Full PDB file with SEQRES, HELIX, SHEET, SSBOND, CRYST1, ORIGX, SCALE, CONECT and MASTER records, all heavy atoms in Angstrom:
SEQRES   1 A   43  SER TRP GLY SER ALA TYR GLY ILE VAL GLY ALA TRP GLY          
SEQRES   2 A   43  THR TRP VAL ALA ARG ARG ARG ASP ASN GLY ARG LEU ILE          
SEQRES   3 A   43  ASN ALA ASP SER PRO ASP ARG LEU ARG GLU LEU LEU LEU          
SEQRES   4 A   43  ARG ASP TYR GLN                                              
HELIX    1 AA1 PRO A   31  TYR A   42  1                                  12    
SHEET    1 AA1 3 TYR A   6  ALA A  11  0                                        
SHEET    2 AA1 3 THR A  14  ARG A  19 -1                                        
SHEET    3 AA1 3 LEU A  25  ALA A  28 -1                                        
CRYST1    1.000    1.000    1.000  90.00  90.00  90.00 P 1           1          
ORIGX1      1.000000  0.000000  0.000000        0.00000                         
ORIGX2      0.000000  1.000000  0.000000        0.00000                         
ORIGX3      0.000000  0.000000  1.000000        0.00000                         
SCALE1      1.000000  0.000000  0.000000        0.00000                         
SCALE2      0.000000  1.000000  0.000000        0.00000                         
SCALE3      0.000000  0.000000  1.000000        0.00000                         
ATOM      1  N   SER A   1     107.616  87.511  98.096  1.00  0.00           N  
ATOM      2  CA  SER A   1     108.501  87.745  96.956  1.00  0.00           C  
ATOM      3  C   SER A   1     108.753  86.496  96.129  1.00  0.00           C  
ATOM      4  O   SER A   1     108.836  86.560  94.909  1.00  0.00           O  
ATOM      5  CB  SER A   1     109.845  88.282  97.439  1.00  0.00           C  
ATOM      6  OG  SER A   1     109.692  89.513  98.089  1.00  0.00           O  
ATOM      7  N   TRP A   2     108.912  85.353  96.795  1.00  0.00           N  
ATOM      8  CA  TRP A   2     109.383  84.137  96.133  1.00  0.00           C  
ATOM      9  C   TRP A   2     108.399  82.979  96.157  1.00  0.00           C  
ATOM     10  O   TRP A   2     108.676  81.914  95.603  1.00  0.00           O  
ATOM     11  CB  TRP A   2     110.686  83.682  96.793  1.00  0.00           C  
ATOM     12  CG  TRP A   2     111.791  84.658  96.592  1.00  0.00           C  
ATOM     13  CD1 TRP A   2     112.224  85.599  97.485  1.00  0.00           C  
ATOM     14  CD2 TRP A   2     112.606  84.800  95.446  1.00  0.00           C  
ATOM     15  NE1 TRP A   2     113.250  86.311  96.948  1.00  0.00           N  
ATOM     16  CE2 TRP A   2     113.514  85.838  95.684  1.00  0.00           C  
ATOM     17  CE3 TRP A   2     112.657  84.144  94.216  1.00  0.00           C  
ATOM     18  CZ2 TRP A   2     114.458  86.238  94.753  1.00  0.00           C  
ATOM     19  CZ3 TRP A   2     113.604  84.537  93.290  1.00  0.00           C  
ATOM     20  CH2 TRP A   2     114.488  85.585  93.563  1.00  0.00           C  
ATOM     21  N   GLY A   3     107.251  83.139  96.766  1.00  0.00           N  
ATOM     22  CA  GLY A   3     106.329  82.036  96.997  1.00  0.00           C  
ATOM     23  C   GLY A   3     105.798  81.337  95.758  1.00  0.00           C  
ATOM     24  O   GLY A   3     105.418  80.173  95.831  1.00  0.00           O  
ATOM     25  N   SER A   4     105.769  82.016  94.617  1.00  0.00           N  
ATOM     26  CA  SER A   4     105.275  81.342  93.419  1.00  0.00           C  
ATOM     27  C   SER A   4     106.321  80.402  92.823  1.00  0.00           C  
ATOM     28  O   SER A   4     105.993  79.532  92.025  1.00  0.00           O  
ATOM     29  CB  SER A   4     104.835  82.363  92.370  1.00  0.00           C  
ATOM     30  OG  SER A   4     105.925  83.137  91.935  1.00  0.00           O  
ATOM     31  N   ALA A   5     107.573  80.537  93.240  1.00  0.00           N  
ATOM     32  CA  ALA A   5     108.651  79.689  92.719  1.00  0.00           C  
ATOM     33  C   ALA A   5     109.199  78.720  93.767  1.00  0.00           C  
ATOM     34  O   ALA A   5     109.733  77.663  93.413  1.00  0.00           O  
ATOM     35  CB  ALA A   5     109.783  80.558  92.179  1.00  0.00           C  
ATOM     36  N   TYR A   6     109.067  79.061  95.052  1.00  0.00           N  
ATOM     37  CA  TYR A   6     109.647  78.263  96.132  1.00  0.00           C  
ATOM     38  C   TYR A   6     108.656  78.154  97.284  1.00  0.00           C  
ATOM     39  O   TYR A   6     107.989  79.127  97.629  1.00  0.00           O  
ATOM     40  CB  TYR A   6     110.913  78.927  96.688  1.00  0.00           C  
ATOM     41  CG  TYR A   6     112.011  79.133  95.689  1.00  0.00           C  
ATOM     42  CD1 TYR A   6     112.047  80.254  94.874  1.00  0.00           C  
ATOM     43  CD2 TYR A   6     113.034  78.202  95.560  1.00  0.00           C  
ATOM     44  CE1 TYR A   6     113.071  80.455  93.956  1.00  0.00           C  
ATOM     45  CE2 TYR A   6     114.068  78.392  94.642  1.00  0.00           C  
ATOM     46  CZ  TYR A   6     114.077  79.523  93.847  1.00  0.00           C  
ATOM     47  OH  TYR A   6     115.084  79.715  92.941  1.00  0.00           O  
ATOM     48  N   GLY A   7     108.608  76.989  97.910  1.00  0.00           N  
ATOM     49  CA  GLY A   7     107.925  76.851  99.183  1.00  0.00           C  
ATOM     50  C   GLY A   7     108.927  77.233 100.256  1.00  0.00           C  
ATOM     51  O   GLY A   7     110.049  76.717 100.262  1.00  0.00           O  
ATOM     52  N   ILE A   8     108.578  78.143 101.158  1.00  0.00           N  
ATOM     53  CA  ILE A   8     109.549  78.686 102.116  1.00  0.00           C  
ATOM     54  C   ILE A   8     109.028  78.563 103.532  1.00  0.00           C  
ATOM     55  O   ILE A   8     107.882  78.911 103.818  1.00  0.00           O  
ATOM     56  CB  ILE A   8     109.834  80.163 101.794  1.00  0.00           C  
ATOM     57  CG1 ILE A   8     110.381  80.298 100.370  1.00  0.00           C  
ATOM     58  CG2 ILE A   8     110.809  80.760 102.807  1.00  0.00           C  
ATOM     59  CD1 ILE A   8     110.458  81.713  99.866  1.00  0.00           C  
ATOM     60  N   VAL A   9     109.895  78.072 104.420  1.00  0.00           N  
ATOM     61  CA  VAL A   9     109.621  78.026 105.857  1.00  0.00           C  
ATOM     62  C   VAL A   9     110.864  78.509 106.585  1.00  0.00           C  
ATOM     63  O   VAL A   9     111.970  78.435 106.063  1.00  0.00           O  
ATOM     64  CB  VAL A   9     109.226  76.609 106.341  1.00  0.00           C  
ATOM     65  CG1 VAL A   9     107.930  76.158 105.706  1.00  0.00           C  
ATOM     66  CG2 VAL A   9     110.323  75.610 106.065  1.00  0.00           C  
ATOM     67  N   GLY A  10     110.669  79.000 107.802  1.00  0.00           N  
ATOM     68  CA  GLY A  10     111.841  79.424 108.543  1.00  0.00           C  
ATOM     69  C   GLY A  10     111.518  79.968 109.910  1.00  0.00           C  
ATOM     70  O   GLY A  10     110.442  80.515 110.134  1.00  0.00           O  
ATOM     71  N   ALA A  11     112.475  79.782 110.812  1.00  0.00           N  
ATOM     72  CA  ALA A  11     112.414  80.320 112.165  1.00  0.00           C  
ATOM     73  C   ALA A  11     113.685  79.935 112.895  1.00  0.00           C  
ATOM     74  O   ALA A  11     114.286  78.899 112.604  1.00  0.00           O  
ATOM     75  CB  ALA A  11     111.198  79.792 112.911  1.00  0.00           C  
ATOM     76  N   TRP A  12     114.091  80.761 113.828  1.00  0.00           N  
ATOM     77  CA  TRP A  12     115.175  80.471 114.772  1.00  0.00           C  
ATOM     78  C   TRP A  12     116.420  79.849 114.149  1.00  0.00           C  
ATOM     79  O   TRP A  12     116.886  78.791 114.565  1.00  0.00           O  
ATOM     80  CB  TRP A  12     114.684  79.590 115.909  1.00  0.00           C  
ATOM     81  CG  TRP A  12     113.534  80.195 116.630  1.00  0.00           C  
ATOM     82  CD1 TRP A  12     113.523  81.383 117.301  1.00  0.00           C  
ATOM     83  CD2 TRP A  12     112.221  79.680 116.739  1.00  0.00           C  
ATOM     84  NE1 TRP A  12     112.285  81.630 117.808  1.00  0.00           N  
ATOM     85  CE2 TRP A  12     111.453  80.584 117.482  1.00  0.00           C  
ATOM     86  CE3 TRP A  12     111.607  78.534 116.269  1.00  0.00           C  
ATOM     87  CZ2 TRP A  12     110.131  80.384 117.775  1.00  0.00           C  
ATOM     88  CZ3 TRP A  12     110.280  78.336 116.563  1.00  0.00           C  
ATOM     89  CH2 TRP A  12     109.573  79.254 117.316  1.00  0.00           C  
ATOM     90  N   GLY A  13     116.946  80.475 113.118  1.00  0.00           N  
ATOM     91  CA  GLY A  13     118.207  80.024 112.551  1.00  0.00           C  
ATOM     92  C   GLY A  13     118.109  78.898 111.538  1.00  0.00           C  
ATOM     93  O   GLY A  13     119.135  78.398 111.085  1.00  0.00           O  
ATOM     94  N   THR A  14     116.903  78.485 111.180  1.00  0.00           N  
ATOM     95  CA  THR A  14     116.730  77.456 110.162  1.00  0.00           C  
ATOM     96  C   THR A  14     115.730  77.966 109.133  1.00  0.00           C  
ATOM     97  O   THR A  14     114.549  78.131 109.433  1.00  0.00           O  
ATOM     98  CB  THR A  14     116.207  76.143 110.782  1.00  0.00           C  
ATOM     99  OG1 THR A  14     117.115  75.713 111.793  1.00  0.00           O  
ATOM    100  CG2 THR A  14     116.077  75.062 109.720  1.00  0.00           C  
ATOM    101  N   TRP A  15     116.223  78.218 107.935  1.00  0.00           N  
ATOM    102  CA  TRP A  15     115.404  78.752 106.845  1.00  0.00           C  
ATOM    103  C   TRP A  15     115.584  77.845 105.644  1.00  0.00           C  
ATOM    104  O   TRP A  15     116.704  77.533 105.253  1.00  0.00           O  
ATOM    105  CB  TRP A  15     115.834  80.189 106.531  1.00  0.00           C  
ATOM    106  CG  TRP A  15     115.568  81.081 107.694  1.00  0.00           C  
ATOM    107  CD1 TRP A  15     116.346  81.242 108.805  1.00  0.00           C  
ATOM    108  CD2 TRP A  15     114.424  81.890 107.891  1.00  0.00           C  
ATOM    109  NE1 TRP A  15     115.751  82.105 109.685  1.00  0.00           N  
ATOM    110  CE2 TRP A  15     114.570  82.524 109.137  1.00  0.00           C  
ATOM    111  CE3 TRP A  15     113.289  82.147 107.132  1.00  0.00           C  
ATOM    112  CZ2 TRP A  15     113.614  83.395 109.645  1.00  0.00           C  
ATOM    113  CZ3 TRP A  15     112.341  83.020 107.628  1.00  0.00           C  
ATOM    114  CH2 TRP A  15     112.508  83.638 108.874  1.00  0.00           C  
ATOM    115  N   VAL A  16     114.466  77.393 105.077  1.00  0.00           N  
ATOM    116  CA  VAL A  16     114.516  76.419 103.986  1.00  0.00           C  
ATOM    117  C   VAL A  16     113.558  76.841 102.875  1.00  0.00           C  
ATOM    118  O   VAL A  16     112.419  77.238 103.142  1.00  0.00           O  
ATOM    119  CB  VAL A  16     114.131  75.006 104.478  1.00  0.00           C  
ATOM    120  CG1 VAL A  16     114.189  73.994 103.344  1.00  0.00           C  
ATOM    121  CG2 VAL A  16     115.022  74.572 105.629  1.00  0.00           C  
ATOM    122  N   ALA A  17     114.030  76.720 101.646  1.00  0.00           N  
ATOM    123  CA  ALA A  17     113.182  76.930 100.474  1.00  0.00           C  
ATOM    124  C   ALA A  17     113.243  75.668  99.623  1.00  0.00           C  
ATOM    125  O   ALA A  17     114.307  75.071  99.462  1.00  0.00           O  
ATOM    126  CB  ALA A  17     113.668  78.127  99.677  1.00  0.00           C  
ATOM    127  N   ARG A  18     112.096  75.261  99.096  1.00  0.00           N  
ATOM    128  CA  ARG A  18     112.026  74.098  98.197  1.00  0.00           C  
ATOM    129  C   ARG A  18     111.540  74.602  96.845  1.00  0.00           C  
ATOM    130  O   ARG A  18     110.474  75.201  96.747  1.00  0.00           O  
ATOM    131  CB  ARG A  18     111.064  73.046  98.728  1.00  0.00           C  
ATOM    132  CG  ARG A  18     110.941  71.835  97.794  1.00  0.00           C  
ATOM    133  CD  ARG A  18     109.907  70.826  98.269  1.00  0.00           C  
ATOM    134  NE  ARG A  18     110.226  70.269  99.552  1.00  0.00           N  
ATOM    135  CZ  ARG A  18     110.930  69.149  99.747  1.00  0.00           C  
ATOM    136  NH1 ARG A  18     111.379  68.478  98.714  1.00  0.00           N  
ATOM    137  NH2 ARG A  18     111.166  68.713 100.948  1.00  0.00           N  
ATOM    138  N   ARG A  19     112.356  74.336  95.812  1.00  0.00           N  
ATOM    139  CA  ARG A  19     111.956  74.724  94.460  1.00  0.00           C  
ATOM    140  C   ARG A  19     110.660  74.018  94.091  1.00  0.00           C  
ATOM    141  O   ARG A  19     110.499  72.827  94.337  1.00  0.00           O  
ATOM    142  CB  ARG A  19     113.038  74.344  93.452  1.00  0.00           C  
ATOM    143  CG  ARG A  19     114.279  75.214  93.529  1.00  0.00           C  
ATOM    144  CD  ARG A  19     115.286  74.792  92.472  1.00  0.00           C  
ATOM    145  NE  ARG A  19     114.751  74.908  91.132  1.00  0.00           N  
ATOM    146  CZ  ARG A  19     115.065  75.874  90.273  1.00  0.00           C  
ATOM    147  NH1 ARG A  19     115.921  76.813  90.615  1.00  0.00           N  
ATOM    148  NH2 ARG A  19     114.537  75.897  89.071  1.00  0.00           N  
ATOM    149  N   ARG A  20     109.736  74.735  93.504  1.00  0.00           N  
ATOM    150  CA  ARG A  20     108.446  74.159  93.136  1.00  0.00           C  
ATOM    151  C   ARG A  20     108.529  73.309  91.872  1.00  0.00           C  
ATOM    152  O   ARG A  20     107.642  72.506  91.617  1.00  0.00           O  
ATOM    153  CB  ARG A  20     107.409  75.252  92.970  1.00  0.00           C  
ATOM    154  CG  ARG A  20     107.102  75.957  94.288  1.00  0.00           C  
ATOM    155  CD  ARG A  20     105.814  76.726  94.201  1.00  0.00           C  
ATOM    156  NE  ARG A  20     105.571  77.514  95.399  1.00  0.00           N  
ATOM    157  CZ  ARG A  20     104.991  77.063  96.499  1.00  0.00           C  
ATOM    158  NH1 ARG A  20     104.611  75.813  96.572  1.00  0.00           N  
ATOM    159  NH2 ARG A  20     104.800  77.856  97.534  1.00  0.00           N  
ATOM    160  N   ASP A  21     109.604  73.444  91.095  1.00  0.00           N  
ATOM    161  CA  ASP A  21     109.704  72.647  89.865  1.00  0.00           C  
ATOM    162  C   ASP A  21     110.382  71.306  90.076  1.00  0.00           C  
ATOM    163  O   ASP A  21     109.937  70.299  89.560  1.00  0.00           O  
ATOM    164  CB  ASP A  21     110.393  73.439  88.748  1.00  0.00           C  
ATOM    165  CG  ASP A  21     111.810  73.873  89.094  1.00  0.00           C  
ATOM    166  OD1 ASP A  21     112.222  73.790  90.272  1.00  0.00           O  
ATOM    167  OD2 ASP A  21     112.511  74.311  88.167  1.00  0.00           O  
ATOM    168  N   ASN A  22     111.449  71.256  90.855  1.00  0.00           N  
ATOM    169  CA  ASN A  22     112.180  69.999  91.008  1.00  0.00           C  
ATOM    170  C   ASN A  22     112.363  69.562  92.466  1.00  0.00           C  
ATOM    171  O   ASN A  22     112.951  68.532  92.726  1.00  0.00           O  
ATOM    172  CB  ASN A  22     113.530  70.065  90.298  1.00  0.00           C  
ATOM    173  CG  ASN A  22     114.456  71.104  90.882  1.00  0.00           C  
ATOM    174  OD1 ASN A  22     114.288  71.566  92.005  1.00  0.00           O  
ATOM    175  ND2 ASN A  22     115.462  71.491  90.111  1.00  0.00           N  
ATOM    176  N   GLY A  23     111.880  70.354  93.415  1.00  0.00           N  
ATOM    177  CA  GLY A  23     111.930  69.978  94.821  1.00  0.00           C  
ATOM    178  C   GLY A  23     113.265  70.157  95.518  1.00  0.00           C  
ATOM    179  O   GLY A  23     113.390  69.829  96.692  1.00  0.00           O  
ATOM    180  N   ARG A  24     114.265  70.678  94.819  1.00  0.00           N  
ATOM    181  CA  ARG A  24     115.581  70.869  95.445  1.00  0.00           C  
ATOM    182  C   ARG A  24     115.471  71.837  96.614  1.00  0.00           C  
ATOM    183  O   ARG A  24     114.786  72.849  96.539  1.00  0.00           O  
ATOM    184  CB  ARG A  24     116.588  71.395  94.428  1.00  0.00           C  
ATOM    185  CG  ARG A  24     118.015  71.402  94.978  1.00  0.00           C  
ATOM    186  CD  ARG A  24     119.024  71.639  93.879  1.00  0.00           C  
ATOM    187  NE  ARG A  24     118.945  72.971  93.312  1.00  0.00           N  
ATOM    188  CZ  ARG A  24     119.514  74.058  93.851  1.00  0.00           C  
ATOM    189  NH1 ARG A  24     120.183  73.967  94.967  1.00  0.00           N  
ATOM    190  NH2 ARG A  24     119.399  75.222  93.262  1.00  0.00           N  
ATOM    191  N   LEU A  25     116.162  71.505  97.709  1.00  0.00           N  
ATOM    192  CA  LEU A  25     116.139  72.326  98.918  1.00  0.00           C  
ATOM    193  C   LEU A  25     117.299  73.299  98.947  1.00  0.00           C  
ATOM    194  O   LEU A  25     118.417  72.970  98.539  1.00  0.00           O  
ATOM    195  CB  LEU A  25     116.199  71.450 100.162  1.00  0.00           C  
ATOM    196  CG  LEU A  25     115.031  70.503 100.386  1.00  0.00           C  
ATOM    197  CD1 LEU A  25     115.284  69.638 101.615  1.00  0.00           C  
ATOM    198  CD2 LEU A  25     113.734  71.271 100.531  1.00  0.00           C  
ATOM    199  N   ILE A  26     117.024  74.480  99.487  1.00  0.00           N  
ATOM    200  CA  ILE A  26     118.036  75.494  99.725  1.00  0.00           C  
ATOM    201  C   ILE A  26     117.940  75.839 101.203  1.00  0.00           C  
ATOM    202  O   ILE A  26     116.869  76.210 101.688  1.00  0.00           O  
ATOM    203  CB  ILE A  26     117.791  76.734  98.855  1.00  0.00           C  
ATOM    204  CG1 ILE A  26     117.823  76.351  97.377  1.00  0.00           C  
ATOM    205  CG2 ILE A  26     118.802  77.830  99.172  1.00  0.00           C  
ATOM    206  CD1 ILE A  26     117.339  77.428  96.447  1.00  0.00           C  
ATOM    207  N   ASN A  27     119.048  75.704 101.929  1.00  0.00           N  
ATOM    208  CA  ASN A  27     119.065  75.926 103.378  1.00  0.00           C  
ATOM    209  C   ASN A  27     119.930  77.130 103.724  1.00  0.00           C  
ATOM    210  O   ASN A  27     120.962  77.352 103.101  1.00  0.00           O  
ATOM    211  CB  ASN A  27     119.654  74.707 104.093  1.00  0.00           C  
ATOM    212  CG  ASN A  27     118.821  73.476 103.866  1.00  0.00           C  
ATOM    213  OD1 ASN A  27     117.735  73.367 104.396  1.00  0.00           O  
ATOM    214  ND2 ASN A  27     119.327  72.556 103.062  1.00  0.00           N  
ATOM    215  N   ALA A  28     119.511  77.867 104.764  1.00  0.00           N  
ATOM    216  CA  ALA A  28     120.280  79.013 105.238  1.00  0.00           C  
ATOM    217  C   ALA A  28     120.054  79.182 106.736  1.00  0.00           C  
ATOM    218  O   ALA A  28     119.109  78.631 107.293  1.00  0.00           O  
ATOM    219  CB  ALA A  28     119.864  80.273 104.491  1.00  0.00           C  
ATOM    220  N   ASP A  29     120.916  79.985 107.352  1.00  0.00           N  
ATOM    221  CA  ASP A  29     120.794  80.215 108.785  1.00  0.00           C  
ATOM    222  C   ASP A  29     120.112  81.543 109.123  1.00  0.00           C  
ATOM    223  O   ASP A  29     119.937  81.871 110.288  1.00  0.00           O  
ATOM    224  CB  ASP A  29     122.148  80.127 109.473  1.00  0.00           C  
ATOM    225  CG  ASP A  29     123.150  81.144 108.940  1.00  0.00           C  
ATOM    226  OD1 ASP A  29     122.799  81.956 108.059  1.00  0.00           O  
ATOM    227  OD2 ASP A  29     124.303  81.111 109.403  1.00  0.00           O  
ATOM    228  N   SER A  30     119.722  82.296 108.091  1.00  0.00           N  
ATOM    229  CA  SER A  30     119.022  83.561 108.312  1.00  0.00           C  
ATOM    230  C   SER A  30     118.159  83.876 107.093  1.00  0.00           C  
ATOM    231  O   SER A  30     118.429  83.388 105.990  1.00  0.00           O  
ATOM    232  CB  SER A  30     120.014  84.695 108.545  1.00  0.00           C  
ATOM    233  OG  SER A  30     120.661  85.038 107.335  1.00  0.00           O  
ATOM    234  N   PRO A  31     117.144  84.707 107.284  1.00  0.00           N  
ATOM    235  CA  PRO A  31     116.311  85.071 106.136  1.00  0.00           C  
ATOM    236  C   PRO A  31     117.096  85.872 105.089  1.00  0.00           C  
ATOM    237  O   PRO A  31     116.874  85.712 103.892  1.00  0.00           O  
ATOM    238  CB  PRO A  31     115.175  85.881 106.742  1.00  0.00           C  
ATOM    239  CG  PRO A  31     115.639  86.287 108.092  1.00  0.00           C  
ATOM    240  CD  PRO A  31     116.647  85.272 108.521  1.00  0.00           C  
ATOM    241  N   ASP A  32     118.027  86.702 105.527  1.00  0.00           N  
ATOM    242  CA  ASP A  32     118.832  87.472 104.570  1.00  0.00           C  
ATOM    243  C   ASP A  32     119.707  86.556 103.728  1.00  0.00           C  
ATOM    244  O   ASP A  32     119.836  86.746 102.518  1.00  0.00           O  
ATOM    245  CB  ASP A  32     119.702  88.506 105.287  1.00  0.00           C  
ATOM    246  CG  ASP A  32     118.887  89.638 105.888  1.00  0.00           C  
ATOM    247  OD1 ASP A  32     117.765  89.899 105.393  1.00  0.00           O  
ATOM    248  OD2 ASP A  32     119.364  90.249 106.858  1.00  0.00           O  
ATOM    249  N   ARG A  33     120.300  85.556 104.359  1.00  0.00           N  
ATOM    250  CA  ARG A  33     121.126  84.601 103.616  1.00  0.00           C  
ATOM    251  C   ARG A  33     120.266  83.777 102.662  1.00  0.00           C  
ATOM    252  O   ARG A  33     120.675  83.518 101.527  1.00  0.00           O  
ATOM    253  CB  ARG A  33     121.893  83.693 104.584  1.00  0.00           C  
ATOM    254  CG  ARG A  33     122.768  82.683 103.908  1.00  0.00           C  
ATOM    255  CD  ARG A  33     123.903  83.339 103.146  1.00  0.00           C  
ATOM    256  NE  ARG A  33     124.734  82.315 102.536  1.00  0.00           N  
ATOM    257  CZ  ARG A  33     125.311  82.427 101.354  1.00  0.00           C  
ATOM    258  NH1 ARG A  33     125.202  83.548 100.677  1.00  0.00           N  
ATOM    259  NH2 ARG A  33     126.015  81.444 100.860  1.00  0.00           N  
ATOM    260  N   LEU A  34     119.080  83.366 103.095  1.00  0.00           N  
ATOM    261  CA  LEU A  34     118.203  82.609 102.211  1.00  0.00           C  
ATOM    262  C   LEU A  34     117.825  83.455 101.000  1.00  0.00           C  
ATOM    263  O   LEU A  34     117.828  82.971  99.872  1.00  0.00           O  
ATOM    264  CB  LEU A  34     116.947  82.138 102.952  1.00  0.00           C  
ATOM    265  CG  LEU A  34     116.010  81.262 102.125  1.00  0.00           C  
ATOM    266  CD1 LEU A  34     116.721  80.001 101.609  1.00  0.00           C  
ATOM    267  CD2 LEU A  34     114.779  80.885 102.931  1.00  0.00           C  
ATOM    268  N   ARG A  35     117.542  84.727 101.212  1.00  0.00           N  
ATOM    269  CA  ARG A  35     117.218  85.615 100.093  1.00  0.00           C  
ATOM    270  C   ARG A  35     118.378  85.668  99.098  1.00  0.00           C  
ATOM    271  O   ARG A  35     118.170  85.589  97.889  1.00  0.00           O  
ATOM    272  CB  ARG A  35     116.888  87.016 100.603  1.00  0.00           C  
ATOM    273  CG  ARG A  35     116.497  87.963  99.499  1.00  0.00           C  
ATOM    274  CD  ARG A  35     116.229  89.374 100.051  1.00  0.00           C  
ATOM    275  NE  ARG A  35     116.003  90.286  98.965  1.00  0.00           N  
ATOM    276  CZ  ARG A  35     116.963  90.835  98.218  1.00  0.00           C  
ATOM    277  NH1 ARG A  35     118.220  90.553  98.433  1.00  0.00           N  
ATOM    278  NH2 ARG A  35     116.660  91.669  97.236  1.00  0.00           N  
ATOM    279  N   GLU A  36     119.604  85.786  99.588  1.00  0.00           N  
ATOM    280  CA  GLU A  36     120.787  85.797  98.707  1.00  0.00           C  
ATOM    281  C   GLU A  36     120.869  84.505  97.898  1.00  0.00           C  
ATOM    282  O   GLU A  36     121.135  84.533  96.694  1.00  0.00           O  
ATOM    283  CB  GLU A  36     122.065  85.950  99.527  1.00  0.00           C  
ATOM    284  CG  GLU A  36     122.234  87.288 100.185  1.00  0.00           C  
ATOM    285  CD  GLU A  36     123.408  87.300 101.151  1.00  0.00           C  
ATOM    286  OE1 GLU A  36     124.214  86.333 101.153  1.00  0.00           O  
ATOM    287  OE2 GLU A  36     123.525  88.270 101.913  1.00  0.00           O  
ATOM    288  N   LEU A  37     120.653  83.376  98.568  1.00  0.00           N  
ATOM    289  CA  LEU A  37     120.729  82.079  97.885  1.00  0.00           C  
ATOM    290  C   LEU A  37     119.599  81.903  96.871  1.00  0.00           C  
ATOM    291  O   LEU A  37     119.804  81.324  95.801  1.00  0.00           O  
ATOM    292  CB  LEU A  37     120.716  80.946  98.915  1.00  0.00           C  
ATOM    293  CG  LEU A  37     121.933  80.880  99.832  1.00  0.00           C  
ATOM    294  CD1 LEU A  37     121.726  79.832 100.920  1.00  0.00           C  
ATOM    295  CD2 LEU A  37     123.199  80.616  99.043  1.00  0.00           C  
ATOM    296  N   LEU A  38     118.412  82.418  97.198  1.00  0.00           N  
ATOM    297  CA  LEU A  38     117.301  82.354  96.252  1.00  0.00           C  
ATOM    298  C   LEU A  38     117.605  83.175  95.001  1.00  0.00           C  
ATOM    299  O   LEU A  38     117.355  82.723  93.880  1.00  0.00           O  
ATOM    300  CB  LEU A  38     116.006  82.840  96.898  1.00  0.00           C  
ATOM    301  CG  LEU A  38     115.404  81.937  97.961  1.00  0.00           C  
ATOM    302  CD1 LEU A  38     114.231  82.623  98.656  1.00  0.00           C  
ATOM    303  CD2 LEU A  38     114.983  80.609  97.379  1.00  0.00           C  
ATOM    304  N   LEU A  39     118.139  84.359  95.191  1.00  0.00           N  
ATOM    305  CA  LEU A  39     118.509  85.194  94.048  1.00  0.00           C  
ATOM    306  C   LEU A  39     119.504  84.472  93.145  1.00  0.00           C  
ATOM    307  O   LEU A  39     119.340  84.426  91.924  1.00  0.00           O  
ATOM    308  CB  LEU A  39     119.116  86.519  94.524  1.00  0.00           C  
ATOM    309  CG  LEU A  39     118.144  87.555  95.042  1.00  0.00           C  
ATOM    310  CD1 LEU A  39     118.896  88.677  95.752  1.00  0.00           C  
ATOM    311  CD2 LEU A  39     117.314  88.118  93.910  1.00  0.00           C  
ATOM    312  N   ARG A  40     120.526  83.899  93.745  1.00  0.00           N  
ATOM    313  CA  ARG A  40     121.560  83.188  92.983  1.00  0.00           C  
ATOM    314  C   ARG A  40     120.963  81.970  92.275  1.00  0.00           C  
ATOM    315  O   ARG A  40     121.222  81.737  91.095  1.00  0.00           O  
ATOM    316  CB  ARG A  40     122.692  82.758  93.906  1.00  0.00           C  
ATOM    317  CG  ARG A  40     123.859  82.151  93.157  1.00  0.00           C  
ATOM    318  CD  ARG A  40     125.021  81.813  94.054  1.00  0.00           C  
ATOM    319  NE  ARG A  40     125.383  82.956  94.872  1.00  0.00           N  
ATOM    320  CZ  ARG A  40     125.850  82.867  96.109  1.00  0.00           C  
ATOM    321  NH1 ARG A  40     126.016  81.685  96.681  1.00  0.00           N  
ATOM    322  NH2 ARG A  40     126.165  83.951  96.794  1.00  0.00           N  
ATOM    323  N   ASP A  41     120.156  81.200  92.995  1.00  0.00           N  
ATOM    324  CA  ASP A  41     119.549  80.009  92.420  1.00  0.00           C  
ATOM    325  C   ASP A  41     118.650  80.367  91.243  1.00  0.00           C  
ATOM    326  O   ASP A  41     118.711  79.746  90.190  1.00  0.00           O  
ATOM    327  CB  ASP A  41     118.744  79.251  93.484  1.00  0.00           C  
ATOM    328  CG  ASP A  41     118.139  77.972  92.957  1.00  0.00           C  
ATOM    329  OD1 ASP A  41     118.902  77.016  92.700  1.00  0.00           O  
ATOM    330  OD2 ASP A  41     116.909  77.934  92.779  1.00  0.00           O  
ATOM    331  N   TYR A  42     117.829  81.387  91.431  1.00  0.00           N  
ATOM    332  CA  TYR A  42     116.890  81.777  90.392  1.00  0.00           C  
ATOM    333  C   TYR A  42     117.612  82.347  89.174  1.00  0.00           C  
ATOM    334  O   TYR A  42     117.204  82.124  88.039  1.00  0.00           O  
ATOM    335  CB  TYR A  42     115.883  82.784  90.943  1.00  0.00           C  
ATOM    336  CG  TYR A  42     114.689  82.964  90.044  1.00  0.00           C  
ATOM    337  CD1 TYR A  42     113.619  82.093  90.111  1.00  0.00           C  
ATOM    338  CD2 TYR A  42     114.648  83.998  89.116  1.00  0.00           C  
ATOM    339  CE1 TYR A  42     112.516  82.239  89.280  1.00  0.00           C  
ATOM    340  CE2 TYR A  42     113.548  84.159  88.283  1.00  0.00           C  
ATOM    341  CZ  TYR A  42     112.499  83.278  88.369  1.00  0.00           C  
ATOM    342  OH  TYR A  42     111.413  83.421  87.544  1.00  0.00           O  
ATOM    343  N   GLN A  43     118.698  83.081  89.394  1.00  0.00           N  
ATOM    344  CA  GLN A  43     119.488  83.606  88.277  1.00  0.00           C  
ATOM    345  C   GLN A  43     120.139  82.472  87.491  1.00  0.00           C  
ATOM    346  O   GLN A  43     120.195  82.522  86.267  1.00  0.00           O  
ATOM    347  CB  GLN A  43     120.553  84.578  88.767  1.00  0.00           C  
ATOM    348  CG  GLN A  43     119.981  85.900  89.216  1.00  0.00           C  
ATOM    349  CD  GLN A  43     121.008  86.792  89.875  1.00  0.00           C  
ATOM    350  OE1 GLN A  43     122.079  86.355  90.289  1.00  0.00           O  
ATOM    351  NE2 GLN A  43     120.687  88.067  89.984  1.00  0.00           N  
TER     352      GLN A  43                                                      
MASTER        0    0    0    1    3    0    0    6  351    1    0    4          
END                                                                             
């Protein structure tokens, strides 16, 4: 869903996305929370 805008890795309570334009990191403790943060960030 988000790979063209963010580099995403995650497992076992650590989920991280890095914006592809400026490198800013977004951290979450679950994939659902990361999805919420990605939506907010992208909006």
